[in-house]
Amino acid sequence: MLDRQLQEKIIQAALLEPKSVQQQFLKLMEESGEAAQAYLASINASGNGYKHLDINATKEELVDSLLVILAILVKLDC
């Protein structure tokens, strides 16, 4: 779980996000695609080797996706 201080920082950042919920859903799609690309490159999937990404890049993109999801949840008052 997130510690309370980090959770508050994430909530405050989400509240300051100017994107609408609809725009954030599009951003989530973008981040999900980047996570997929990073993972495919990290396992040297056909056609992705030139990207030279590793599992750490995948983790970073998944965290980006998670932050967008959290921002959406905050905007939807969950």
N, C-alpha and C. Protein backbone atom coordinates (compact mmCIF):
# COMPACT_ATOMS: atom_id res chain seq x y z
N MET A 1 0.83 -1.20 0.00
CA MET A 1 0.00 0.00 0.00
C MET A 1 0.87 1.25 0.00
N LEU A 2 0.26 2.32 -0.43
CA LEU A 2 0.95 3.60 -0.42
C LEU A 2 0.94 4.18 0.98
N ASP A 3 2.05 4.80 1.36
CA ASP A 3 2.01 5.47 2.65
C ASP A 3 1.15 6.73 2.53
N ARG A 4 0.68 7.20 3.65
CA ARG A 4 -0.30 8.29 3.69
C ARG A 4 0.23 9.57 3.02
N GLN A 5 1.49 9.89 3.24
CA GLN A 5 2.07 11.11 2.68
C GLN A 5 2.13 11.03 1.14
N LEU A 6 2.56 9.89 0.63
CA LEU A 6 2.61 9.72 -0.82
C LEU A 6 1.21 9.75 -1.41
N GLN A 7 0.28 9.12 -0.73
CA GLN A 7 -1.11 9.11 -1.19
C GLN A 7 -1.65 10.53 -1.29
N GLU A 8 -1.38 11.36 -0.31
CA GLU A 8 -1.84 12.75 -0.34
C GLU A 8 -1.20 13.53 -1.48
N LYS A 9 0.08 13.30 -1.74
CA LYS A 9 0.76 13.98 -2.85
C LYS A 9 0.12 13.59 -4.19
N ILE A 10 -0.19 12.32 -4.35
CA ILE A 10 -0.81 11.85 -5.59
C ILE A 10 -2.19 12.47 -5.75
N ILE A 11 -2.95 12.52 -4.67
CA ILE A 11 -4.30 13.11 -4.73
C ILE A 11 -4.21 14.59 -5.08
N GLN A 12 -3.29 15.31 -4.47
CA GLN A 12 -3.15 16.74 -4.77
C GLN A 12 -2.75 16.96 -6.23
N ALA A 13 -1.84 16.16 -6.73
CA ALA A 13 -1.44 16.27 -8.13
C ALA A 13 -2.62 15.97 -9.05
N ALA A 14 -3.41 14.96 -8.69
CA ALA A 14 -4.58 14.60 -9.50
C ALA A 14 -5.60 15.73 -9.52
N LEU A 15 -5.78 16.38 -8.40
CA LEU A 15 -6.74 17.49 -8.32
C LEU A 15 -6.30 18.68 -9.16
N LEU A 16 -4.99 18.84 -9.32
CA LEU A 16 -4.46 19.96 -10.12
C LEU A 16 -4.41 19.64 -11.61
N GLU A 17 -4.63 18.38 -11.97
CA GLU A 17 -4.56 17.96 -13.38
C GLU A 17 -5.65 18.67 -14.18
N PRO A 18 -5.24 19.43 -15.22
CA PRO A 18 -6.23 20.18 -16.00
C PRO A 18 -7.01 19.33 -17.01
N LYS A 19 -6.52 18.13 -17.31
CA LYS A 19 -7.22 17.30 -18.30
C LYS A 19 -8.58 16.86 -17.77
N SER A 20 -9.54 16.78 -18.67
CA SER A 20 -10.85 16.24 -18.32
C SER A 20 -10.73 14.73 -18.14
N VAL A 21 -11.77 14.12 -17.59
CA VAL A 21 -11.76 12.67 -17.43
C VAL A 21 -11.64 12.00 -18.80
N GLN A 22 -12.33 12.52 -19.79
CA GLN A 22 -12.25 11.95 -21.13
C GLN A 22 -10.82 12.01 -21.67
N GLN A 23 -10.17 13.14 -21.47
CA GLN A 23 -8.79 13.30 -21.93
C GLN A 23 -7.86 12.37 -21.15
N GLN A 24 -8.15 12.17 -19.88
CA GLN A 24 -7.32 11.27 -19.08
C GLN A 24 -7.49 9.82 -19.54
N PHE A 25 -8.68 9.44 -19.97
CA PHE A 25 -8.86 8.10 -20.51
C PHE A 25 -8.02 7.91 -21.77
N LEU A 26 -7.94 8.93 -22.62
CA LEU A 26 -7.08 8.85 -23.80
C LEU A 26 -5.61 8.76 -23.39
N LYS A 27 -5.24 9.52 -22.37
CA LYS A 27 -3.87 9.45 -21.85
C LYS A 27 -3.57 8.05 -21.31
N LEU A 28 -4.55 7.43 -20.66
CA LEU A 28 -4.37 6.08 -20.16
C LEU A 28 -4.12 5.10 -21.31
N MET A 29 -4.85 5.28 -22.40
CA MET A 29 -4.63 4.42 -23.57
C MET A 29 -3.20 4.60 -24.10
N GLU A 30 -2.73 5.83 -24.13
CA GLU A 30 -1.37 6.11 -24.58
C GLU A 30 -0.35 5.42 -23.66
N GLU A 31 -0.52 5.59 -22.37
CA GLU A 31 0.41 5.01 -21.41
C GLU A 31 0.39 3.48 -21.47
N SER A 32 -0.79 2.91 -21.65
CA SER A 32 -0.89 1.45 -21.77
C SER A 32 -0.14 0.95 -23.00
N GLY A 33 -0.26 1.69 -24.08
CA GLY A 33 0.47 1.33 -25.30
C GLY A 33 1.97 1.42 -25.10
N GLU A 34 2.42 2.44 -24.39
CA GLU A 34 3.84 2.58 -24.11
C GLU A 34 4.34 1.45 -23.22
N ALA A 35 3.52 1.04 -22.25
CA ALA A 35 3.90 -0.08 -21.38
C ALA A 35 4.02 -1.36 -22.20
N ALA A 36 3.07 -1.57 -23.11
CA ALA A 36 3.11 -2.76 -23.96
C ALA A 36 4.35 -2.75 -24.86
N GLN A 37 4.65 -1.60 -25.44
CA GLN A 37 5.83 -1.49 -26.29
C GLN A 37 7.10 -1.77 -25.50
N ALA A 38 7.20 -1.21 -24.31
CA ALA A 38 8.38 -1.43 -23.48
C ALA A 38 8.53 -2.90 -23.12
N TYR A 39 7.43 -3.54 -22.78
CA TYR A 39 7.50 -4.96 -22.44
C TYR A 39 7.92 -5.80 -23.63
N LEU A 40 7.30 -5.54 -24.78
CA LEU A 40 7.66 -6.30 -25.98
C LEU A 40 9.13 -6.12 -26.32
N ALA A 41 9.64 -4.90 -26.18
CA ALA A 41 11.06 -4.66 -26.45
C ALA A 41 11.93 -5.38 -25.41
N SER A 42 11.48 -5.41 -24.16
CA SER A 42 12.29 -6.03 -23.10
C SER A 42 12.42 -7.54 -23.28
N ILE A 43 11.45 -8.15 -23.95
CA ILE A 43 11.54 -9.60 -24.20
C ILE A 43 12.01 -9.90 -25.63
N ASN A 44 12.49 -8.86 -26.29
CA ASN A 44 13.00 -8.98 -27.67
C ASN A 44 11.98 -9.59 -28.62
N ALA A 45 10.73 -9.18 -28.49
CA ALA A 45 9.70 -9.64 -29.40
C ALA A 45 10.01 -9.15 -30.81
N SER A 46 9.63 -9.91 -31.78
CA SER A 46 9.89 -9.60 -33.17
C SER A 46 9.44 -8.17 -33.51
N GLY A 47 10.34 -7.42 -34.12
CA GLY A 47 10.03 -6.06 -34.55
C GLY A 47 10.18 -5.00 -33.47
N ASN A 48 10.63 -5.38 -32.28
CA ASN A 48 10.74 -4.42 -31.18
C ASN A 48 12.16 -4.29 -30.62
N GLY A 49 13.07 -5.09 -31.10
CA GLY A 49 14.43 -5.10 -30.56
C GLY A 49 15.17 -3.79 -30.70
N TYR A 50 14.88 -3.04 -31.74
CA TYR A 50 15.61 -1.79 -31.99
C TYR A 50 15.34 -0.73 -30.91
N LYS A 51 14.30 -0.92 -30.11
CA LYS A 51 13.93 0.08 -29.10
C LYS A 51 14.85 0.03 -27.88
N HIS A 52 15.51 -1.09 -27.67
CA HIS A 52 16.47 -1.24 -26.58
C HIS A 52 15.89 -0.85 -25.22
N LEU A 53 14.70 -1.35 -24.92
CA LEU A 53 14.07 -1.08 -23.63
C LEU A 53 14.17 -2.34 -22.77
N ASP A 54 14.24 -2.14 -21.46
CA ASP A 54 14.34 -3.28 -20.55
C ASP A 54 13.12 -3.33 -19.63
N ILE A 55 13.13 -4.26 -18.71
CA ILE A 55 11.99 -4.44 -17.82
C ILE A 55 11.78 -3.20 -16.94
N ASN A 56 12.85 -2.45 -16.66
CA ASN A 56 12.69 -1.22 -15.87
C ASN A 56 11.87 -0.17 -16.63
N ALA A 57 12.04 -0.12 -17.93
CA ALA A 57 11.22 0.79 -18.74
C ALA A 57 9.76 0.37 -18.68
N THR A 58 9.53 -0.94 -18.68
CA THR A 58 8.16 -1.45 -18.56
C THR A 58 7.56 -1.03 -17.23
N LYS A 59 8.32 -1.19 -16.17
CA LYS A 59 7.84 -0.80 -14.84
C LYS A 59 7.51 0.69 -14.79
N GLU A 60 8.37 1.52 -15.37
CA GLU A 60 8.12 2.97 -15.39
C GLU A 60 6.83 3.30 -16.11
N GLU A 61 6.60 2.65 -17.24
CA GLU A 61 5.38 2.91 -17.99
C GLU A 61 4.15 2.41 -17.25
N LEU A 62 4.27 1.30 -16.54
CA LEU A 62 3.14 0.81 -15.74
C LEU A 62 2.82 1.76 -14.59
N VAL A 63 3.86 2.35 -13.99
CA VAL A 63 3.63 3.34 -12.94
C VAL A 63 2.94 4.56 -13.52
N ASP A 64 3.36 4.99 -14.71
CA ASP A 64 2.68 6.11 -15.37
C ASP A 64 1.20 5.79 -15.57
N SER A 65 0.91 4.57 -16.02
CA SER A 65 -0.48 4.14 -16.21
C SER A 65 -1.24 4.18 -14.89
N LEU A 66 -0.60 3.69 -13.85
CA LEU A 66 -1.24 3.67 -12.53
C LEU A 66 -1.55 5.09 -12.05
N LEU A 67 -0.64 6.01 -12.26
CA LEU A 67 -0.88 7.40 -11.84
C LEU A 67 -2.05 8.02 -12.59
N VAL A 68 -2.17 7.71 -13.87
CA VAL A 68 -3.30 8.21 -14.64
C VAL A 68 -4.60 7.61 -14.10
N ILE A 69 -4.59 6.31 -13.80
CA ILE A 69 -5.78 5.66 -13.24
C ILE A 69 -6.15 6.31 -11.91
N LEU A 70 -5.17 6.55 -11.06
CA LEU A 70 -5.45 7.19 -9.78
C LEU A 70 -6.04 8.59 -9.96
N ALA A 71 -5.51 9.32 -10.94
CA ALA A 71 -6.03 10.66 -11.21
C ALA A 71 -7.49 10.59 -11.66
N ILE A 72 -7.80 9.61 -12.49
CA ILE A 72 -9.20 9.44 -12.93
C ILE A 72 -10.09 9.11 -11.73
N LEU A 73 -9.63 8.23 -10.90
CA LEU A 73 -10.42 7.87 -9.70
C LEU A 73 -10.66 9.07 -8.81
N VAL A 74 -9.65 9.91 -8.64
CA VAL A 74 -9.81 11.11 -7.83
C VAL A 74 -10.84 12.04 -8.46
N LYS A 75 -10.71 12.24 -9.78
CA LYS A 75 -11.68 13.14 -10.47
C LYS A 75 -13.09 12.59 -10.40
N LEU A 76 -13.24 11.27 -10.35
CA LEU A 76 -14.57 10.67 -10.27
C LEU A 76 -15.04 10.53 -8.81
N ASP A 77 -14.24 11.06 -7.90
CA ASP A 77 -14.55 11.09 -6.48
C ASP A 77 -14.75 9.68 -5.90
N CYS A 78 -13.82 8.81 -6.25
CA CYS A 78 -13.87 7.42 -5.73
C CYS A 78 -13.04 7.31 -4.46
